Amino acid sequence: MSTLVTRPMDAALAASTDAVIAKKILVLGATSGIAEATCHIWAAQGAQFFLVARNAEKLAAVAADLKLSGASYVGAAVADLDDTEKHAELLTHAVNSLTGMDIAFLAHGILGDQARGEQDFQHAAQIIYTNFVAPVSLLTWLANYCVQRHSGTIAVLSSVAGDRGRKSNYIYASSKAGLTAFLSGLRNRVDREGVTVMTIKPGPVNTSMTAHMNIRKADVNKVAAAIVKAIDKRVDTLYVPAIFLPIMFIVRHIPERIFKKLNL
């Protein structure tokens, strides 16, 4: 882990002055398209950020852009979030840099290659590790931190894909299904402690992750706006765009004898 941005004196003074209204937001996987668009909205509100991602160049660009967009403080660290051994140190550093945390936004994940994963177990295992195992480590630390303080929101990008496995993406889908189930149990555990756990289930969104997919995709800025609104309302589960709530209800309830014959 290496620190990319430190708190300058003027930013610290501004954060102190605006402490009542400025949200303190930890963003894990900050260079994802959805995370970046969501942070733009928060930046315009004067939020304080600590950003984590593995690509130093992209991370520096996001951090600089958020400062220009109105963020009152932007700290960042370059780190591989798959390295679970370093999570405790990384997250402690992030929270200390923010001097607290109101929101943790977890956007760490990969789509992977379904066809490759069908033939190569190591690739399938990497998808599951990045999308499920590593987030479980991060979420365990974050939940315990929030429970100790009886406050905080943990918002996590899962996917509508996790609602039912399909032949076209069942490796990715299974990793997201596991994440969704973990979040459900975690929410049941910590809600009584004053902690909000929010599961975000986007459909396909127009970002670099889906650029190669020839399908209809949602506008990332509209998705980001829906996420910010749902976090403010402390929603438990968000399907975005909202049309995926009834769509996935139907998909989940197609009888298996019919579903297995569909080309999905």
C-alpha atoms as a PDB file:
ATOM      1  CA  MET A   1       0.000   0.000   0.000  1.00  0.00           C
ATOM      2  CA  SER A   2       1.281   3.454  -0.837  1.00  0.00           C
ATOM      3  CA  THR A   3      -0.320   6.768   0.047  1.00  0.00           C
ATOM      4  CA  LEU A   4      -1.107   8.838  -3.016  1.00  0.00           C
ATOM      5  CA  VAL A   5      -2.545  12.050  -1.540  1.00  0.00           C
ATOM      6  CA  THR A   6      -2.103  13.567   1.903  1.00  0.00           C
ATOM      7  CA  ARG A   7      -4.262  16.086   3.710  1.00  0.00           C
ATOM      8  CA  PRO A   8      -3.002  19.626   3.045  1.00  0.00           C
ATOM      9  CA  MET A   9      -3.356  22.219   5.817  1.00  0.00           C
ATOM     10  CA  ASP A  10      -5.996  24.286   4.007  1.00  0.00           C
ATOM     11  CA  ALA A  11      -8.123  21.195   3.329  1.00  0.00           C
ATOM     12  CA  ALA A  12      -7.881  20.202   6.983  1.00  0.00           C
ATOM     13  CA  LEU A  13      -9.081  23.621   8.078  1.00  0.00           C
ATOM     14  CA  ALA A  14     -11.956  23.503   5.565  1.00  0.00           C
ATOM     15  CA  ALA A  15     -12.958  20.052   6.769  1.00  0.00           C
ATOM     16  CA  SER A  16     -12.940  21.291  10.365  1.00  0.00           C
ATOM     17  CA  THR A  17     -15.125  24.265   9.456  1.00  0.00           C
ATOM     18  CA  ASP A  18     -17.629  22.160   7.526  1.00  0.00           C
ATOM     19  CA  ALA A  19     -17.550  19.103   9.800  1.00  0.00           C
ATOM     20  CA  VAL A  20     -21.272  19.300  10.499  1.00  0.00           C
ATOM     21  CA  ILE A  21     -22.308  18.868   6.881  1.00  0.00           C
ATOM     22  CA  ALA A  22     -19.371  17.290   5.027  1.00  0.00           C
ATOM     23  CA  LYS A  23     -19.795  13.528   4.639  1.00  0.00           C
ATOM     24  CA  LYS A  24     -16.683  11.436   5.261  1.00  0.00           C
ATOM     25  CA  ILE A  25     -16.658   8.782   2.571  1.00  0.00           C
ATOM     26  CA  LEU A  26     -14.337   5.817   2.070  1.00  0.00           C
ATOM     27  CA  VAL A  27     -14.429   4.501  -1.509  1.00  0.00           C
ATOM     28  CA  LEU A  28     -12.937   1.073  -2.226  1.00  0.00           C
ATOM     29  CA  GLY A  29     -12.505   0.454  -5.933  1.00  0.00           C
ATOM     30  CA  ALA A  30     -12.633   4.184  -6.608  1.00  0.00           C
ATOM     31  CA  THR A  31     -11.736   3.997 -10.296  1.00  0.00           C
ATOM     32  CA  SER A  32     -14.829   1.976 -11.217  1.00  0.00           C
ATOM     33  CA  GLY A  33     -17.188   3.892 -13.495  1.00  0.00           C
ATOM     34  CA  ILE A  34     -20.102   3.736 -11.069  1.00  0.00           C
ATOM     35  CA  ALA A  35     -17.968   4.762  -8.086  1.00  0.00           C
ATOM     36  CA  GLU A  36     -16.467   7.711  -9.945  1.00  0.00           C
ATOM     37  CA  ALA A  37     -19.857   9.012 -11.088  1.00  0.00           C
ATOM     38  CA  THR A  38     -21.291   8.633  -7.591  1.00  0.00           C
ATOM     39  CA  CYS A  39     -18.339  10.460  -6.041  1.00  0.00           C
ATOM     40  CA  HIS A  40     -18.885  13.387  -8.418  1.00  0.00           C
ATOM     41  CA  ILE A  41     -22.300  13.956  -6.847  1.00  0.00           C
ATOM     42  CA  TRP A  42     -20.900  13.790  -3.336  1.00  0.00           C
ATOM     43  CA  ALA A  43     -18.002  16.083  -4.275  1.00  0.00           C
ATOM     44  CA  ALA A  44     -20.455  18.767  -5.369  1.00  0.00           C
ATOM     45  CA  GLN A  45     -21.869  18.550  -1.831  1.00  0.00           C
ATOM     46  CA  GLY A  46     -18.425  19.231  -0.346  1.00  0.00           C
ATOM     47  CA  ALA A  47     -17.775  15.674   0.845  1.00  0.00           C
ATOM     48  CA  GLN A  48     -14.453  14.410   2.163  1.00  0.00           C
ATOM     49  CA  PHE A  49     -13.007  11.298   0.526  1.00  0.00           C
ATOM     50  CA  PHE A  50     -10.477   8.587   0.988  1.00  0.00           C
ATOM     51  CA  LEU A  51     -10.080   6.666  -2.263  1.00  0.00           C
ATOM     52  CA  VAL A  52      -8.516   3.245  -2.784  1.00  0.00           C
ATOM     53  CA  ALA A  53      -7.718   1.555  -6.097  1.00  0.00           C
ATOM     54  CA  ARG A  54      -4.896  -0.438  -7.640  1.00  0.00           C
ATOM     55  CA  ASN A  55      -4.108   1.746 -10.669  1.00  0.00           C
ATOM     56  CA  ALA A  56      -2.070   4.740  -9.495  1.00  0.00           C
ATOM     57  CA  GLU A  57      -2.496   6.820 -12.654  1.00  0.00           C
ATOM     58  CA  LYS A  58      -6.270   6.410 -12.811  1.00  0.00           C
ATOM     59  CA  LEU A  59      -6.596   6.984  -9.085  1.00  0.00           C
ATOM     60  CA  ALA A  60      -4.630  10.231  -9.245  1.00  0.00           C
ATOM     61  CA  ALA A  61      -6.892  11.438 -12.075  1.00  0.00           C
ATOM     62  CA  VAL A  62     -10.062  10.638 -10.107  1.00  0.00           C
ATOM     63  CA  ALA A  63      -8.700  12.346  -6.991  1.00  0.00           C
ATOM     64  CA  ALA A  64      -7.763  15.493  -8.916  1.00  0.00           C
ATOM     65  CA  ASP A  65     -11.159  15.586 -10.616  1.00  0.00           C
ATOM     66  CA  LEU A  66     -13.018  15.315  -7.309  1.00  0.00           C
ATOM     67  CA  LYS A  67     -11.031  18.215  -5.887  1.00  0.00           C
ATOM     68  CA  LEU A  68     -12.042  20.320  -8.875  1.00  0.00           C
ATOM     69  CA  SER A  69     -15.651  19.198  -8.410  1.00  0.00           C
ATOM     70  CA  GLY A  70     -15.827  20.595  -4.877  1.00  0.00           C
ATOM     71  CA  ALA A  71     -14.568  17.904  -2.506  1.00  0.00           C
ATOM     72  CA  SER A  72     -13.323  19.453   0.738  1.00  0.00           C
ATOM     73  CA  TYR A  73     -10.639  16.787   1.157  1.00  0.00           C
ATOM     74  CA  VAL A  74      -9.349  13.931  -0.979  1.00  0.00           C
ATOM     75  CA  GLY A  75      -6.923  11.374   0.374  1.00  0.00           C
ATOM     76  CA  ALA A  76      -6.020   8.209  -1.469  1.00  0.00           C
ATOM     77  CA  ALA A  77      -3.939   5.055  -1.377  1.00  0.00           C
ATOM     78  CA  VAL A  78      -2.813   2.701  -4.110  1.00  0.00           C
ATOM     79  CA  ALA A  79      -3.573  -0.855  -3.003  1.00  0.00           C
ATOM     80  CA  ASP A  80      -4.574  -4.240  -4.362  1.00  0.00           C
ATOM     81  CA  LEU A  81      -7.803  -4.999  -2.524  1.00  0.00           C
ATOM     82  CA  ASP A  82      -7.359  -8.702  -3.241  1.00  0.00           C
ATOM     83  CA  ASP A  83      -4.519  -8.625  -0.689  1.00  0.00           C
ATOM     84  CA  THR A  84      -6.637  -9.374   2.358  1.00  0.00           C
ATOM     85  CA  GLU A  85      -3.623  -9.505   4.662  1.00  0.00           C
ATOM     86  CA  LYS A  86      -3.249  -5.740   4.330  1.00  0.00           C
ATOM     87  CA  HIS A  87      -6.906  -4.793   4.775  1.00  0.00           C
ATOM     88  CA  ALA A  88      -6.731  -3.937   8.464  1.00  0.00           C
ATOM     89  CA  GLU A  89      -3.748  -1.637   8.004  1.00  0.00           C
ATOM     90  CA  LEU A  90      -5.231  -0.034   4.907  1.00  0.00           C
ATOM     91  CA  LEU A  91      -8.654   0.627   6.417  1.00  0.00           C
ATOM     92  CA  THR A  92      -7.239   1.933   9.672  1.00  0.00           C
ATOM     93  CA  HIS A  93      -5.095   4.370   7.692  1.00  0.00           C
ATOM     94  CA  ALA A  94      -8.082   5.444   5.581  1.00  0.00           C
ATOM     95  CA  VAL A  95     -10.365   6.104   8.546  1.00  0.00           C
ATOM     96  CA  ASN A  96      -7.632   7.936  10.432  1.00  0.00           C
ATOM     97  CA  SER A  97      -6.996  10.130   7.387  1.00  0.00           C
ATOM     98  CA  LEU A  98     -10.701  11.007   7.260  1.00  0.00           C
ATOM     99  CA  THR A  99     -10.822  11.327  11.059  1.00  0.00           C
ATOM    100  CA  GLY A 100     -13.912   9.130  10.982  1.00  0.00           C
ATOM    101  CA  MET A 101     -16.236   7.578   8.422  1.00  0.00           C
ATOM    102  CA  ASP A 102     -19.892   8.155   7.566  1.00  0.00           C
ATOM    103  CA  ILE A 103     -20.122   6.053   4.407  1.00  0.00           C
ATOM    104  CA  ALA A 104     -18.075   3.165   3.044  1.00  0.00           C
ATOM    105  CA  PHE A 105     -18.754   2.560  -0.645  1.00  0.00           C
ATOM    106  CA  LEU A 106     -17.411  -0.779  -1.872  1.00  0.00           C
ATOM    107  CA  ALA A 107     -17.142  -0.976  -5.664  1.00  0.00           C
ATOM    108  CA  HIS A 108     -14.333  -3.548  -5.916  1.00  0.00           C
ATOM    109  CA  GLY A 109     -14.962  -6.270  -8.480  1.00  0.00           C
ATOM    110  CA  ILE A 110     -14.290  -7.752 -11.902  1.00  0.00           C
ATOM    111  CA  LEU A 111     -16.493  -9.134 -14.652  1.00  0.00           C
ATOM    112  CA  GLY A 112     -14.014 -11.781 -15.745  1.00  0.00           C
ATOM    113  CA  ASP A 113     -14.269 -14.024 -18.794  1.00  0.00           C
ATOM    114  CA  GLN A 114     -17.019 -16.635 -18.559  1.00  0.00           C
ATOM    115  CA  ALA A 115     -15.738 -18.722 -21.483  1.00  0.00           C
ATOM    116  CA  ARG A 116     -12.218 -18.789 -20.059  1.00  0.00           C
ATOM    117  CA  GLY A 117     -13.493 -19.605 -16.598  1.00  0.00           C
ATOM    118  CA  GLU A 118     -15.390 -22.620 -17.928  1.00  0.00           C
ATOM    119  CA  GLN A 119     -12.078 -24.160 -18.993  1.00  0.00           C
ATOM    120  CA  ASP A 120      -9.671 -22.628 -16.470  1.00  0.00           C
ATOM    121  CA  PHE A 121     -10.485 -23.106 -12.795  1.00  0.00           C
ATOM    122  CA  GLN A 122      -7.843 -20.601 -11.722  1.00  0.00           C
ATOM    123  CA  HIS A 123      -9.598 -17.838 -13.656  1.00  0.00           C
ATOM    124  CA  ALA A 124     -12.980 -18.840 -12.214  1.00  0.00           C
ATOM    125  CA  ALA A 125     -11.457 -18.841  -8.737  1.00  0.00           C
ATOM    126  CA  GLN A 126     -10.006 -15.364  -9.308  1.00  0.00           C
ATOM    127  CA  ILE A 127     -13.435 -13.968 -10.209  1.00  0.00           C
ATOM    128  CA  ILE A 128     -14.946 -15.472  -7.075  1.00  0.00           C
ATOM    129  CA  TYR A 129     -12.055 -14.310  -4.892  1.00  0.00           C
ATOM    130  CA  THR A 130     -12.145 -10.710  -6.140  1.00  0.00           C
ATOM    131  CA  ASN A 131     -15.921 -10.398  -6.091  1.00  0.00           C
ATOM    132  CA  PHE A 132     -16.689 -12.334  -2.918  1.00  0.00           C
ATOM    133  CA  VAL A 133     -13.779 -13.400  -0.714  1.00  0.00           C
ATOM    134  CA  ALA A 134     -11.928 -10.063  -0.686  1.00  0.00           C
ATOM    135  CA  PRO A 135     -15.149  -8.075  -0.045  1.00  0.00           C
ATOM    136  CA  VAL A 136     -15.989 -10.366   2.889  1.00  0.00           C
ATOM    137  CA  SER A 137     -12.687  -9.385   4.494  1.00  0.00           C
ATOM    138  CA  LEU A 138     -13.287  -5.669   3.899  1.00  0.00           C
ATOM    139  CA  LEU A 139     -16.887  -5.860   5.087  1.00  0.00           C
ATOM    140  CA  THR A 140     -15.984  -7.696   8.270  1.00  0.00           C
ATOM    141  CA  TRP A 141     -13.569  -4.941   9.273  1.00  0.00           C
ATOM    142  CA  LEU A 142     -15.918  -2.132   8.232  1.00  0.00           C
ATOM    143  CA  ALA A 143     -18.923  -3.645  10.008  1.00  0.00           C
ATOM    144  CA  ASN A 144     -17.006  -4.093  13.245  1.00  0.00           C
ATOM    145  CA  TYR A 145     -15.756  -0.505  13.071  1.00  0.00           C
ATOM    146  CA  CYS A 146     -19.298   0.823  12.546  1.00  0.00           C
ATOM    147  CA  VAL A 147     -20.818  -1.383  15.238  1.00  0.00           C
ATOM    148  CA  GLN A 148     -18.339  -0.041  17.791  1.00  0.00           C
ATOM    149  CA  ARG A 149     -19.599   3.471  16.987  1.00  0.00           C
ATOM    150  CA  HIS A 150     -23.271   2.541  16.466  1.00  0.00           C
ATOM    151  CA  SER A 151     -23.331   4.492  13.200  1.00  0.00           C
ATOM    152  CA  GLY A 152     -22.331   4.429   9.562  1.00  0.00           C
ATOM    153  CA  THR A 153     -23.518   3.243   6.168  1.00  0.00           C
ATOM    154  CA  ILE A 154     -21.858   0.459   4.191  1.00  0.00           C
ATOM    155  CA  ALA A 155     -23.015   0.517   0.557  1.00  0.00           C
ATOM    156  CA  VAL A 156     -21.867  -2.320  -1.696  1.00  0.00           C
ATOM    157  CA  LEU A 157     -22.109  -2.940  -5.433  1.00  0.00           C
ATOM    158  CA  SER A 158     -23.491  -6.405  -6.067  1.00  0.00           C
ATOM    159  CA  SER A 159     -25.439  -7.140  -9.285  1.00  0.00           C
ATOM    160  CA  VAL A 160     -28.794  -8.253 -10.628  1.00  0.00           C
ATOM    161  CA  ALA A 161     -26.797 -11.135 -12.124  1.00  0.00           C
ATOM    162  CA  GLY A 162     -26.610 -12.663  -8.661  1.00  0.00           C
ATOM    163  CA  ASP A 163     -30.360 -13.218  -8.550  1.00  0.00           C
ATOM    164  CA  ARG A 164     -30.089 -16.278 -10.802  1.00  0.00           C
ATOM    165  CA  GLY A 165     -27.253 -18.023 -12.582  1.00  0.00           C
ATOM    166  CA  ARG A 166     -27.357 -18.038 -16.382  1.00  0.00           C
ATOM    167  CA  LYS A 167     -25.086 -19.924 -18.749  1.00  0.00           C
ATOM    168  CA  SER A 168     -23.655 -16.675 -20.144  1.00  0.00           C
ATOM    169  CA  ASN A 169     -22.236 -15.431 -16.817  1.00  0.00           C
ATOM    170  CA  TYR A 170     -22.791 -17.943 -14.022  1.00  0.00           C
ATOM    171  CA  ILE A 171     -19.284 -17.576 -12.578  1.00  0.00           C
ATOM    172  CA  TYR A 172     -19.663 -13.821 -12.114  1.00  0.00           C
ATOM    173  CA  ALA A 173     -23.289 -14.340 -11.053  1.00  0.00           C
ATOM    174  CA  SER A 174     -22.372 -16.860  -8.375  1.00  0.00           C
ATOM    175  CA  SER A 175     -19.790 -14.507  -6.894  1.00  0.00           C
ATOM    176  CA  LYS A 176     -22.399 -11.759  -6.696  1.00  0.00           C
ATOM    177  CA  ALA A 177     -25.016 -14.152  -5.308  1.00  0.00           C
ATOM    178  CA  GLY A 178     -22.612 -15.012  -2.504  1.00  0.00           C
ATOM    179  CA  LEU A 179     -21.947 -11.336  -1.855  1.00  0.00           C
ATOM    180  CA  THR A 180     -25.669 -10.541  -1.775  1.00  0.00           C
ATOM    181  CA  ALA A 181     -26.320 -13.359   0.714  1.00  0.00           C
ATOM    182  CA  PHE A 182     -23.436 -12.190   2.912  1.00  0.00           C
ATOM    183  CA  LEU A 183     -24.763  -8.628   2.898  1.00  0.00           C
ATOM    184  CA  SER A 184     -28.227  -9.853   3.850  1.00  0.00           C
ATOM    185  CA  GLY A 185     -26.879 -11.673   6.881  1.00  0.00           C
ATOM    186  CA  LEU A 186     -24.576  -8.813   7.811  1.00  0.00           C
ATOM    187  CA  ARG A 187     -27.482  -6.358   7.633  1.00  0.00           C
ATOM    188  CA  ASN A 188     -29.529  -8.626   9.897  1.00  0.00           C
ATOM    189  CA  ARG A 189     -26.660  -8.625  12.391  1.00  0.00           C
ATOM    190  CA  VAL A 190     -25.759  -4.925  12.498  1.00  0.00           C
ATOM    191  CA  ASP A 191     -29.007  -3.060  11.815  1.00  0.00           C
ATOM    192  CA  ARG A 192     -29.921  -3.185  15.511  1.00  0.00           C
ATOM    193  CA  GLU A 193     -26.572  -1.504  16.214  1.00  0.00           C
ATOM    194  CA  GLY A 194     -27.464   1.591  14.188  1.00  0.00           C
ATOM    195  CA  VAL A 195     -25.493   0.529  11.104  1.00  0.00           C
ATOM    196  CA  THR A 196     -26.956   0.524   7.585  1.00  0.00           C
ATOM    197  CA  VAL A 197     -25.867  -2.131   5.091  1.00  0.00           C
ATOM    198  CA  MET A 198     -27.083  -1.406   1.569  1.00  0.00           C
ATOM    199  CA  THR A 199     -26.988  -3.895  -1.306  1.00  0.00           C
ATOM    200  CA  ILE A 200     -26.833  -2.195  -4.710  1.00  0.00           C
ATOM    201  CA  LYS A 201     -27.930  -4.357  -7.642  1.00  0.00           C
ATOM    202  CA  PRO A 202     -27.234  -2.599 -10.938  1.00  0.00           C
ATOM    203  CA  GLY A 203     -28.232  -3.984 -14.279  1.00  0.00           C
ATOM    204  CA  PRO A 204     -25.787  -3.417 -17.161  1.00  0.00           C
ATOM    205  CA  VAL A 205     -24.365   0.119 -16.865  1.00  0.00           C
ATOM    206  CA  ASN A 206     -22.474   2.054 -19.517  1.00  0.00           C
ATOM    207  CA  THR A 207     -18.933   1.941 -18.104  1.00  0.00           C
ATOM    208  CA  SER A 208     -15.562   0.667 -19.280  1.00  0.00           C
ATOM    209  CA  MET A 209     -16.346  -2.734 -17.722  1.00  0.00           C
ATOM    210  CA  THR A 210     -19.261  -3.263 -20.117  1.00  0.00           C
ATOM    211  CA  ALA A 211     -17.884  -1.418 -23.154  1.00  0.00           C
ATOM    212  CA  HIS A 212     -17.454  -4.689 -25.065  1.00  0.00           C
ATOM    213  CA  MET A 213     -21.038  -5.817 -24.444  1.00  0.00           C
ATOM    214  CA  ASN A 214     -23.514  -5.210 -27.254  1.00  0.00           C
ATOM    215  CA  ILE A 215     -26.562  -4.764 -25.025  1.00  0.00           C
ATOM    216  CA  ARG A 216     -28.699  -1.928 -23.754  1.00  0.00           C
ATOM    217  CA  LYS A 217     -26.973  -0.219 -20.827  1.00  0.00           C
ATOM    218  CA  ALA A 218     -28.086   2.335 -18.262  1.00  0.00           C
ATOM    219  CA  ASP A 219     -26.567   5.803 -18.069  1.00  0.00           C
ATOM    220  CA  VAL A 220     -23.941   5.786 -15.335  1.00  0.00           C
ATOM    221  CA  ASN A 221     -24.850   9.260 -14.062  1.00  0.00           C
ATOM    222  CA  LYS A 222     -28.492   8.272 -13.565  1.00  0.00           C
ATOM    223  CA  VAL A 223     -27.370   5.150 -11.739  1.00  0.00           C
ATOM    224  CA  ALA A 224     -25.095   7.252  -9.521  1.00  0.00           C
ATOM    225  CA  ALA A 225     -27.905   9.666  -8.693  1.00  0.00           C
ATOM    226  CA  ALA A 226     -30.146   6.764  -7.673  1.00  0.00           C
ATOM    227  CA  ILE A 227     -27.400   5.364  -5.434  1.00  0.00           C
ATOM    228  CA  VAL A 228     -26.847   8.673  -3.629  1.00  0.00           C
ATOM    229  CA  LYS A 229     -30.578   9.104  -3.089  1.00  0.00           C
ATOM    230  CA  ALA A 230     -30.952   5.557  -1.758  1.00  0.00           C
ATOM    231  CA  ILE A 231     -28.016   5.967   0.632  1.00  0.00           C
ATOM    232  CA  ASP A 232     -29.554   9.161   1.995  1.00  0.00           C
ATOM    233  CA  LYS A 233     -32.798   7.249   2.589  1.00  0.00           C
ATOM    234  CA  ARG A 234     -30.956   4.282   4.145  1.00  0.00           C
ATOM    235  CA  VAL A 235     -32.485   1.834   1.693  1.00  0.00           C
ATOM    236  CA  ASP A 236     -31.638  -1.838   2.270  1.00  0.00           C
ATOM    237  CA  THR A 237     -31.598  -3.057  -1.337  1.00  0.00           C
ATOM    238  CA  LEU A 238     -31.544  -0.990  -4.511  1.00  0.00           C
ATOM    239  CA  TYR A 239     -32.296  -2.331  -7.974  1.00  0.00           C
ATOM    240  CA  VAL A 240     -31.037   0.204 -10.500  1.00  0.00           C
ATOM    241  CA  PRO A 241     -32.512   0.996 -12.953  1.00  0.00           C
ATOM    242  CA  ALA A 242     -35.713   0.277 -11.022  1.00  0.00           C
ATOM    243  CA  ILE A 243     -37.187  -1.759 -13.896  1.00  0.00           C
ATOM    244  CA  PHE A 244     -34.893  -4.618 -12.860  1.00  0.00           C
ATOM    245  CA  LEU A 245     -36.883  -5.203  -9.684  1.00  0.00           C
ATOM    246  CA  PRO A 246     -39.887  -6.711 -11.562  1.00  0.00           C
ATOM    247  CA  ILE A 247     -37.652  -8.178 -14.277  1.00  0.00           C
ATOM    248  CA  MET A 248     -35.577 -10.158 -11.806  1.00  0.00           C
ATOM    249  CA  PHE A 249     -38.689 -11.213  -9.890  1.00  0.00           C
ATOM    250  CA  ILE A 250     -39.900 -12.857 -13.086  1.00  0.00           C
ATOM    251  CA  VAL A 251     -36.489 -14.363 -13.877  1.00  0.00           C
ATOM    252  CA  ARG A 252     -36.189 -15.868 -10.391  1.00  0.00           C
ATOM    253  CA  HIS A 253     -39.586 -17.528 -10.682  1.00  0.00           C
ATOM    254  CA  ILE A 254     -39.268 -19.151 -14.107  1.00  0.00           C
ATOM    255  CA  PRO A 255     -39.551 -22.905 -13.469  1.00  0.00           C
ATOM    256  CA  GLU A 256     -36.214 -24.689 -13.798  1.00  0.00           C
ATOM    257  CA  ARG A 257     -37.554 -27.095 -16.429  1.00  0.00           C
ATOM    258  CA  ILE A 258     -38.211 -24.067 -18.648  1.00  0.00           C
ATOM    259  CA  PHE A 259     -35.270 -21.927 -17.555  1.00  0.00           C
ATOM    260  CA  LYS A 260     -32.645 -24.542 -18.432  1.00  0.00           C
ATOM    261  CA  LYS A 261     -33.839 -24.496 -22.053  1.00  0.00           C
ATOM    262  CA  LEU A 262     -33.544 -20.726 -22.422  1.00  0.00           C
ATOM    263  CA  ASN A 263     -30.584 -19.196 -24.208  1.00  0.00           C
ATOM    264  CA  LEU A 264     -29.647 -16.631 -21.553  1.00  0.00           C
END
